[in-house]
Amino acid sequence: MLRCSPQELLGEWTPEKWDYWLQTAREAEILAQDELALARQGMMTGLCDGKAVFITSVDSRHLQTTFQQLAAKLQQQFTQAEIDLQIDGSVMQAEDKTPERRQQKRLVQAKTVAEARLLATPVMQYLNERGEGKMGKVQLY
């Protein structure tokens, strides 16, 4: 539940495609930590293998360098990509546009499902019937 669903990385970038690309890049360990952090806090628009714009609210002194490194790694996979940078503070306000916000949403959903499943177990039902059961904090691994 914590993983995003597979996407075909063709045509227009969508939040789902960007999330999936980032997940696979993270698993393949092709991004440095600063590139990963930047990618998680932004979104890609435009074409996967054409003109695209990476939009982020991050505005740091290392932004240009980190963005150029991230763009270079994307261009290894998408050889026709021409990626520009845009800074927009509202991007982090969107509920499900960035991989970071999408992951937070998946985490909440996974915890809700895990709690429901735990409460449905015979042991928890038995303890609840006796007034002795109490759900603690659910940790997902």
Protein backbone atom coordinates (compact mmCIF):
# COMPACT_ATOMS: atom_id res chain seq x y z
CA MET A 1 0.00 0.00 0.00
CA LEU A 2 2.93 2.33 0.53
CA ARG A 3 4.16 1.84 -3.03
CA CYS A 4 2.66 3.76 -5.91
CA SER A 5 1.15 1.79 -8.76
CA PRO A 6 3.29 1.11 -11.86
CA GLN A 7 3.00 3.66 -14.65
CA GLU A 8 4.00 3.69 -18.28
CA LEU A 9 6.41 6.60 -18.62
CA LEU A 10 5.21 7.85 -22.00
CA GLY A 11 3.42 11.00 -23.11
CA GLU A 12 2.52 13.67 -20.56
CA TRP A 13 3.90 13.70 -17.04
CA THR A 14 1.23 13.22 -14.39
CA PRO A 15 1.63 13.23 -10.60
CA GLU A 16 1.30 9.42 -10.72
CA LYS A 17 4.03 9.06 -13.35
CA TRP A 18 6.39 11.42 -11.50
CA ASP A 19 5.76 9.56 -8.24
CA TYR A 20 6.44 6.22 -9.95
CA TRP A 21 9.61 7.48 -11.67
CA LEU A 22 10.91 8.78 -8.36
CA GLN A 23 10.09 5.50 -6.59
CA THR A 24 12.01 3.48 -9.19
CA ALA A 25 14.92 5.95 -9.18
CA ARG A 26 15.09 5.74 -5.37
CA GLU A 27 15.07 1.92 -5.47
CA ALA A 28 17.81 1.90 -8.14
CA GLU A 29 19.76 4.39 -5.99
CA ILE A 30 20.50 6.67 -8.93
CA LEU A 31 19.75 9.91 -7.08
CA ALA A 32 21.92 11.68 -4.51
CA GLN A 33 20.15 12.66 -1.28
CA ASP A 34 19.77 16.33 -2.28
CA GLU A 35 18.37 15.34 -5.69
CA LEU A 36 15.95 12.92 -4.03
CA ALA A 37 14.80 15.60 -1.58
CA LEU A 38 14.25 18.09 -4.38
CA ALA A 39 12.41 15.57 -6.56
CA ARG A 40 10.09 14.60 -3.68
CA GLN A 41 9.07 18.22 -3.18
CA GLY A 42 8.25 19.03 -6.77
CA MET A 43 6.29 17.87 -9.75
CA MET A 44 7.06 17.36 -13.40
CA THR A 45 4.80 18.72 -16.12
CA GLY A 46 5.01 18.52 -19.88
CA LEU A 47 6.27 15.57 -21.89
CA CYS A 48 8.25 12.66 -20.47
CA ASP A 49 10.58 12.64 -23.46
CA GLY A 50 10.23 16.23 -24.67
CA LYS A 51 9.75 19.73 -23.31
CA ALA A 52 9.03 19.55 -19.59
CA VAL A 53 9.03 21.80 -16.54
CA PHE A 54 9.98 20.75 -13.03
CA ILE A 55 7.96 22.85 -10.57
CA THR A 56 9.08 23.18 -6.96
CA SER A 57 8.54 25.49 -4.01
CA VAL A 58 12.11 24.89 -2.85
CA ASP A 59 14.25 27.98 -3.33
CA SER A 60 17.71 27.42 -1.87
CA ARG A 61 21.16 28.58 -2.83
CA HIS A 62 21.97 25.10 -4.14
CA LEU A 63 18.74 24.76 -6.13
CA GLN A 64 20.23 25.34 -9.59
CA THR A 65 23.06 22.86 -9.10
CA THR A 66 20.80 20.19 -7.60
CA PHE A 67 18.19 20.71 -10.33
CA GLN A 68 20.82 20.41 -13.08
CA GLN A 69 22.06 17.12 -11.57
CA LEU A 70 18.48 15.82 -11.32
CA ALA A 71 17.73 16.89 -14.90
CA ALA A 72 20.90 15.19 -16.16
CA LYS A 73 19.81 11.89 -14.58
CA LEU A 74 16.35 12.22 -16.12
CA GLN A 75 17.93 12.87 -19.52
CA GLN A 76 19.85 9.61 -19.27
CA GLN A 77 16.49 7.82 -19.41
CA PHE A 78 14.55 10.36 -21.51
CA THR A 79 17.13 11.37 -24.10
CA GLN A 80 14.88 13.90 -25.88
CA ALA A 81 13.86 15.66 -22.65
CA GLU A 82 14.39 19.40 -22.33
CA ILE A 83 13.66 20.24 -18.70
CA ASP A 84 13.25 23.74 -17.31
CA LEU A 85 12.91 24.79 -13.68
CA GLN A 86 10.04 26.81 -12.24
CA ILE A 87 9.69 27.95 -8.63
CA ASP A 88 6.10 28.09 -7.42
CA GLY A 89 5.33 28.23 -3.69
CA SER A 90 1.81 26.87 -4.19
CA VAL A 91 2.98 23.45 -5.42
CA MET A 92 3.31 22.08 -1.87
CA GLN A 93 -0.24 23.20 -1.04
CA ALA A 94 -1.73 20.76 -3.54
CA GLU A 95 -3.06 17.63 -1.89
CA ASP A 96 -1.58 15.06 -4.26
CA LYS A 97 0.75 16.76 -6.75
CA THR A 98 4.15 15.99 -5.20
CA PRO A 99 5.57 12.57 -4.34
CA GLU A 100 6.03 13.71 -0.74
CA ARG A 101 2.36 14.60 -0.30
CA ARG A 102 1.25 11.46 -2.17
CA GLN A 103 3.41 9.30 0.14
CA GLN A 104 1.92 10.99 3.21
CA LYS A 105 -1.55 10.20 1.89
CA ARG A 106 -0.62 6.54 1.23
CA LEU A 107 0.83 6.29 4.74
CA VAL A 108 -2.40 7.53 6.34
CA GLN A 109 -4.44 5.07 4.25
CA ALA A 110 -2.12 2.16 5.11
CA LYS A 111 -2.32 2.93 8.84
CA THR A 112 -6.12 3.07 8.66
CA VAL A 113 -6.25 -0.34 6.94
CA ALA A 114 -3.69 -1.83 9.37
CA GLU A 115 -5.66 -0.60 12.40
CA ALA A 116 -8.92 -2.00 10.99
CA ARG A 117 -7.28 -5.37 10.33
CA LEU A 118 -5.74 -5.49 13.80
CA LEU A 119 -9.08 -4.62 15.44
CA ALA A 120 -10.72 -7.43 13.45
CA THR A 121 -8.35 -10.11 14.81
CA PRO A 122 -9.82 -12.62 17.27
CA VAL A 123 -7.40 -11.54 20.01
CA MET A 124 -8.36 -7.86 19.78
CA GLN A 125 -12.06 -8.73 19.57
CA TYR A 126 -11.71 -10.88 22.69
CA LEU A 127 -9.85 -8.14 24.57
CA ASN A 128 -12.35 -5.49 23.48
CA GLU A 129 -15.28 -7.64 24.66
CA ARG A 130 -13.64 -7.87 28.07
CA GLY A 131 -12.91 -4.13 28.09
CA GLU A 132 -9.18 -4.80 28.18
CA GLY A 133 -8.27 -4.07 24.60
CA LYS A 134 -6.84 -0.77 23.49
CA MET A 135 -5.22 0.06 20.18
CA GLY A 136 -1.77 1.53 20.55
CA LYS A 137 0.27 3.31 17.96
CA VAL A 138 0.52 1.42 14.67
CA GLN A 139 4.00 1.35 13.11
CA LEU A 140 4.38 0.33 9.48
CA TYR A 141 7.61 -1.17 8.17
